[in-house]
Amino acid sequence: MGLRRQMLNQIELDVDADVKTVNHITSLMRTLSADIEGRNIKMEEITKLPRSELRDQAFSYNLMLNGKDVGKMAQLDGISNKIWAIIHMKMEFLKQILEM
């Protein structure tokens, strides 16, 4: 039971960290789209975060913003949806472990 509890605790910590990272980067990305002059500052902040799929998506999003602004919010929503799907899968995995 102790090992199972450790696994559950680690998954919960991972999910919490993912949620915080998603919220933080999403906030920064929304600022990127609204604050053209502040983009470099926000990208520097994103660069300091641990490497992840979401961080890479933020870089891609910034490149898109620099190239064109059409559909940028739809793109951001798509990126956010992908990341939330990953978090949801982790939560489902956690539920399955709890049911064992």
N, C-alpha and C. Protein backbone atom coordinates (compact mmCIF):
# COMPACT_ATOMS: atom_id res chain seq x y z
N MET A 1 0.82 -1.20 0.00
CA MET A 1 0.00 0.00 0.00
C MET A 1 0.86 1.25 0.00
N GLY A 2 2.01 1.22 0.66
CA GLY A 2 2.89 2.38 0.73
C GLY A 2 3.40 2.80 -0.64
N LEU A 3 3.79 1.82 -1.47
CA LEU A 3 4.28 2.12 -2.81
C LEU A 3 3.17 2.72 -3.67
N ARG A 4 1.99 2.17 -3.54
CA ARG A 4 0.84 2.68 -4.29
C ARG A 4 0.56 4.14 -3.91
N ARG A 5 0.59 4.43 -2.63
CA ARG A 5 0.36 5.79 -2.14
C ARG A 5 1.42 6.73 -2.68
N GLN A 6 2.69 6.27 -2.72
CA GLN A 6 3.76 7.10 -3.26
C GLN A 6 3.52 7.41 -4.74
N MET A 7 3.08 6.38 -5.49
CA MET A 7 2.78 6.59 -6.91
C MET A 7 1.66 7.60 -7.08
N LEU A 8 0.62 7.47 -6.29
CA LEU A 8 -0.51 8.40 -6.37
C LEU A 8 -0.07 9.82 -6.03
N ASN A 9 0.71 9.95 -4.98
CA ASN A 9 1.20 11.28 -4.59
C ASN A 9 2.03 11.91 -5.70
N GLN A 10 2.89 11.09 -6.33
CA GLN A 10 3.74 11.62 -7.40
C GLN A 10 2.89 12.05 -8.60
N ILE A 11 1.89 11.26 -8.95
CA ILE A 11 1.01 11.62 -10.06
C ILE A 11 0.27 12.91 -9.74
N GLU A 12 -0.23 13.03 -8.52
CA GLU A 12 -0.93 14.25 -8.12
C GLU A 12 0.00 15.46 -8.21
N LEU A 13 1.24 15.31 -7.77
CA LEU A 13 2.21 16.40 -7.87
C LEU A 13 2.48 16.76 -9.33
N ASP A 14 2.61 15.73 -10.18
CA ASP A 14 2.85 15.98 -11.61
C ASP A 14 1.68 16.72 -12.24
N VAL A 15 0.47 16.30 -11.91
CA VAL A 15 -0.72 16.95 -12.47
C VAL A 15 -0.81 18.39 -11.98
N ASP A 16 -0.58 18.61 -10.70
CA ASP A 16 -0.60 19.98 -10.17
C ASP A 16 0.44 20.86 -10.87
N ALA A 17 1.63 20.32 -11.07
CA ALA A 17 2.68 21.08 -11.75
C ALA A 17 2.29 21.36 -13.20
N ASP A 18 1.68 20.38 -13.87
CA ASP A 18 1.23 20.58 -15.25
C ASP A 18 0.18 21.68 -15.33
N VAL A 19 -0.77 21.65 -14.41
CA VAL A 19 -1.84 22.67 -14.41
C VAL A 19 -1.24 24.06 -14.21
N LYS A 20 -0.33 24.18 -13.26
CA LYS A 20 0.31 25.49 -13.02
C LYS A 20 1.08 25.96 -14.24
N THR A 21 1.81 25.04 -14.88
CA THR A 21 2.58 25.39 -16.06
C THR A 21 1.67 25.80 -17.20
N VAL A 22 0.60 25.04 -17.42
CA VAL A 22 -0.35 25.38 -18.48
C VAL A 22 -0.93 26.77 -18.24
N ASN A 23 -1.38 27.02 -17.05
CA ASN A 23 -1.97 28.33 -16.74
C ASN A 23 -0.97 29.46 -16.94
N HIS A 24 0.26 29.24 -16.49
CA HIS A 24 1.29 30.27 -16.60
C HIS A 24 1.63 30.56 -18.07
N ILE A 25 1.92 29.50 -18.83
CA ILE A 25 2.31 29.70 -20.23
C ILE A 25 1.14 30.22 -21.04
N THR A 26 -0.06 29.73 -20.79
CA THR A 26 -1.23 30.24 -21.51
C THR A 26 -1.41 31.72 -21.26
N SER A 27 -1.22 32.14 -20.02
CA SER A 27 -1.31 33.56 -19.70
C SER A 27 -0.26 34.36 -20.46
N LEU A 28 0.97 33.84 -20.47
CA LEU A 28 2.03 34.52 -21.21
C LEU A 28 1.72 34.58 -22.70
N MET A 29 1.18 33.48 -23.24
CA MET A 29 0.87 33.44 -24.67
C MET A 29 -0.25 34.42 -25.02
N ARG A 30 -1.22 34.54 -24.15
CA ARG A 30 -2.29 35.52 -24.40
C ARG A 30 -1.70 36.94 -24.39
N THR A 31 -0.75 37.17 -23.51
CA THR A 31 -0.09 38.48 -23.47
C THR A 31 0.70 38.71 -24.75
N LEU A 32 1.32 37.64 -25.27
CA LEU A 32 2.07 37.77 -26.52
C LEU A 32 1.19 38.32 -27.63
N SER A 33 -0.03 37.82 -27.69
CA SER A 33 -0.92 38.24 -28.77
C SER A 33 -1.41 39.66 -28.60
N ALA A 34 -1.46 40.15 -27.38
CA ALA A 34 -2.01 41.49 -27.13
C ALA A 34 -0.93 42.57 -27.04
N ASP A 35 0.25 42.20 -26.61
CA ASP A 35 1.30 43.19 -26.33
C ASP A 35 2.48 42.97 -27.27
N ILE A 36 2.42 43.58 -28.44
CA ILE A 36 3.46 43.37 -29.45
C ILE A 36 4.82 43.82 -28.93
N GLU A 37 4.88 44.96 -28.25
CA GLU A 37 6.15 45.46 -27.75
C GLU A 37 6.73 44.58 -26.64
N GLY A 38 5.86 43.94 -25.88
CA GLY A 38 6.32 43.13 -24.76
C GLY A 38 6.60 41.68 -25.10
N ARG A 39 6.48 41.31 -26.37
CA ARG A 39 6.67 39.90 -26.76
C ARG A 39 8.04 39.36 -26.36
N ASN A 40 9.08 40.13 -26.60
CA ASN A 40 10.43 39.64 -26.29
C ASN A 40 10.59 39.36 -24.81
N ILE A 41 10.03 40.21 -23.97
CA ILE A 41 10.12 40.01 -22.52
C ILE A 41 9.39 38.73 -22.12
N LYS A 42 8.20 38.53 -22.67
CA LYS A 42 7.43 37.33 -22.34
C LYS A 42 8.13 36.08 -22.86
N MET A 43 8.73 36.16 -24.05
CA MET A 43 9.44 35.00 -24.58
C MET A 43 10.65 34.67 -23.72
N GLU A 44 11.30 35.69 -23.17
CA GLU A 44 12.41 35.43 -22.25
C GLU A 44 11.92 34.68 -21.02
N GLU A 45 10.74 35.04 -20.53
CA GLU A 45 10.17 34.36 -19.36
C GLU A 45 9.82 32.91 -19.72
N ILE A 46 9.25 32.70 -20.90
CA ILE A 46 8.92 31.34 -21.35
C ILE A 46 10.20 30.52 -21.50
N THR A 47 11.27 31.13 -22.01
CA THR A 47 12.54 30.43 -22.21
C THR A 47 13.10 29.89 -20.90
N LYS A 48 12.84 30.55 -19.80
CA LYS A 48 13.37 30.13 -18.49
C LYS A 48 12.63 28.91 -17.92
N LEU A 49 11.47 28.58 -18.48
CA LEU A 49 10.69 27.45 -17.98
C LEU A 49 11.31 26.13 -18.45
N PRO A 50 11.05 25.03 -17.72
CA PRO A 50 11.58 23.73 -18.15
C PRO A 50 11.06 23.37 -19.54
N ARG A 51 11.91 22.71 -20.31
CA ARG A 51 11.53 22.32 -21.67
C ARG A 51 10.34 21.36 -21.61
N SER A 52 9.34 21.63 -22.44
CA SER A 52 8.14 20.80 -22.50
C SER A 52 7.47 21.02 -23.84
N GLU A 53 6.48 20.18 -24.13
CA GLU A 53 5.72 20.35 -25.37
C GLU A 53 5.04 21.71 -25.40
N LEU A 54 4.51 22.12 -24.26
CA LEU A 54 3.81 23.41 -24.20
C LEU A 54 4.78 24.56 -24.44
N ARG A 55 5.97 24.47 -23.88
CA ARG A 55 6.97 25.52 -24.10
C ARG A 55 7.33 25.60 -25.59
N ASP A 56 7.50 24.44 -26.23
CA ASP A 56 7.80 24.43 -27.66
C ASP A 56 6.64 25.03 -28.46
N GLN A 57 5.42 24.74 -28.02
CA GLN A 57 4.25 25.31 -28.69
C GLN A 57 4.23 26.83 -28.54
N ALA A 58 4.67 27.32 -27.39
CA ALA A 58 4.72 28.77 -27.17
C ALA A 58 5.69 29.42 -28.15
N PHE A 59 6.82 28.76 -28.40
CA PHE A 59 7.77 29.30 -29.37
C PHE A 59 7.15 29.31 -30.77
N SER A 60 6.48 28.22 -31.13
CA SER A 60 5.81 28.16 -32.43
C SER A 60 4.75 29.25 -32.55
N TYR A 61 4.02 29.44 -31.48
CA TYR A 61 2.97 30.46 -31.45
C TYR A 61 3.58 31.85 -31.64
N ASN A 62 4.71 32.11 -31.00
CA ASN A 62 5.37 33.40 -31.15
C ASN A 62 5.82 33.61 -32.59
N LEU A 63 6.36 32.57 -33.21
CA LEU A 63 6.76 32.68 -34.61
C LEU A 63 5.56 33.00 -35.49
N MET A 64 4.44 32.35 -35.21
CA MET A 64 3.23 32.62 -35.98
C MET A 64 2.79 34.07 -35.79
N LEU A 65 2.86 34.56 -34.55
CA LEU A 65 2.46 35.94 -34.28
C LEU A 65 3.35 36.92 -35.04
N ASN A 66 4.62 36.61 -35.11
CA ASN A 66 5.53 37.49 -35.82
C ASN A 66 5.27 37.47 -37.32
N GLY A 67 4.73 36.37 -37.81
CA GLY A 67 4.44 36.25 -39.24
C GLY A 67 3.08 36.79 -39.62
N LYS A 68 2.06 36.47 -38.86
CA LYS A 68 0.70 36.93 -39.16
C LYS A 68 -0.15 36.81 -37.90
N ASP A 69 -1.18 37.60 -37.82
CA ASP A 69 -2.04 37.60 -36.64
C ASP A 69 -3.39 36.92 -36.88
N VAL A 70 -3.69 36.53 -38.11
CA VAL A 70 -4.98 35.93 -38.43
C VAL A 70 -5.10 34.55 -37.78
N GLY A 71 -6.14 34.37 -37.03
CA GLY A 71 -6.42 33.08 -36.41
C GLY A 71 -5.56 32.74 -35.21
N LYS A 72 -4.86 33.73 -34.66
CA LYS A 72 -3.95 33.42 -33.56
C LYS A 72 -4.67 32.93 -32.31
N MET A 73 -5.83 33.47 -32.02
CA MET A 73 -6.54 33.01 -30.82
C MET A 73 -7.07 31.60 -31.00
N ALA A 74 -7.50 31.26 -32.21
CA ALA A 74 -7.94 29.89 -32.47
C ALA A 74 -6.77 28.92 -32.30
N GLN A 75 -5.61 29.32 -32.75
CA GLN A 75 -4.41 28.49 -32.59
C GLN A 75 -4.09 28.31 -31.11
N LEU A 76 -4.17 29.38 -30.35
CA LEU A 76 -3.90 29.30 -28.91
C LEU A 76 -4.89 28.37 -28.22
N ASP A 77 -6.16 28.47 -28.59
CA ASP A 77 -7.15 27.58 -28.00
C ASP A 77 -6.86 26.13 -28.34
N GLY A 78 -6.43 25.87 -29.58
CA GLY A 78 -6.08 24.51 -29.98
C GLY A 78 -4.92 23.96 -29.17
N ILE A 79 -3.92 24.79 -28.95
CA ILE A 79 -2.76 24.38 -28.15
C ILE A 79 -3.20 24.09 -26.72
N SER A 80 -3.99 24.98 -26.15
CA SER A 80 -4.46 24.78 -24.78
C SER A 80 -5.28 23.50 -24.66
N ASN A 81 -6.13 23.25 -25.65
CA ASN A 81 -6.95 22.04 -25.62
C ASN A 81 -6.09 20.78 -25.64
N LYS A 82 -5.00 20.78 -26.42
CA LYS A 82 -4.11 19.62 -26.46
C LYS A 82 -3.49 19.38 -25.09
N ILE A 83 -3.03 20.45 -24.47
CA ILE A 83 -2.37 20.31 -23.17
C ILE A 83 -3.37 19.86 -22.11
N TRP A 84 -4.58 20.42 -22.12
CA TRP A 84 -5.59 19.99 -21.14
C TRP A 84 -5.97 18.54 -21.36
N ALA A 85 -5.93 18.06 -22.62
CA ALA A 85 -6.22 16.66 -22.89
C ALA A 85 -5.16 15.76 -22.23
N ILE A 86 -3.91 16.19 -22.27
CA ILE A 86 -2.84 15.44 -21.62
C ILE A 86 -3.07 15.39 -20.11
N ILE A 87 -3.42 16.52 -19.53
CA ILE A 87 -3.69 16.57 -18.09
C ILE A 87 -4.88 15.68 -17.75
N HIS A 88 -5.91 15.70 -18.59
CA HIS A 88 -7.09 14.86 -18.36
C HIS A 88 -6.70 13.38 -18.38
N MET A 89 -5.83 12.99 -19.31
CA MET A 89 -5.40 11.60 -19.36
C MET A 89 -4.67 11.21 -18.08
N LYS A 90 -3.84 12.11 -17.56
CA LYS A 90 -3.15 11.83 -16.30
C LYS A 90 -4.16 11.66 -15.16
N MET A 91 -5.18 12.49 -15.15
CA MET A 91 -6.20 12.38 -14.11
C MET A 91 -6.96 11.06 -14.22
N GLU A 92 -7.27 10.64 -15.44
CA GLU A 92 -7.95 9.36 -15.64
C GLU A 92 -7.07 8.21 -15.15
N PHE A 93 -5.78 8.31 -15.44
CA PHE A 93 -4.85 7.29 -14.97
C PHE A 93 -4.85 7.24 -13.44
N LEU A 94 -4.85 8.40 -12.82
CA LEU A 94 -4.89 8.49 -11.36
C LEU A 94 -6.17 7.84 -10.82
N LYS A 95 -7.30 8.11 -11.46
CA LYS A 95 -8.57 7.50 -11.03
C LYS A 95 -8.51 5.98 -11.13
N GLN A 96 -7.92 5.48 -12.23
CA GLN A 96 -7.82 4.03 -12.40
C GLN A 96 -6.97 3.41 -11.30
N ILE A 97 -5.90 4.07 -10.94
CA ILE A 97 -5.04 3.56 -9.86
C ILE A 97 -5.81 3.55 -8.54
N LEU A 98 -6.57 4.61 -8.31
CA LEU A 98 -7.34 4.69 -7.07
C LEU A 98 -8.39 3.58 -6.98
N GLU A 99 -8.91 3.16 -8.12
CA GLU A 99 -9.95 2.12 -8.13
C GLU A 99 -9.38 0.72 -7.95
N MET A 100 -8.06 0.57 -8.05
CA MET A 100 -7.44 -0.76 -7.91
C MET A 100 -7.56 -1.26 -6.50
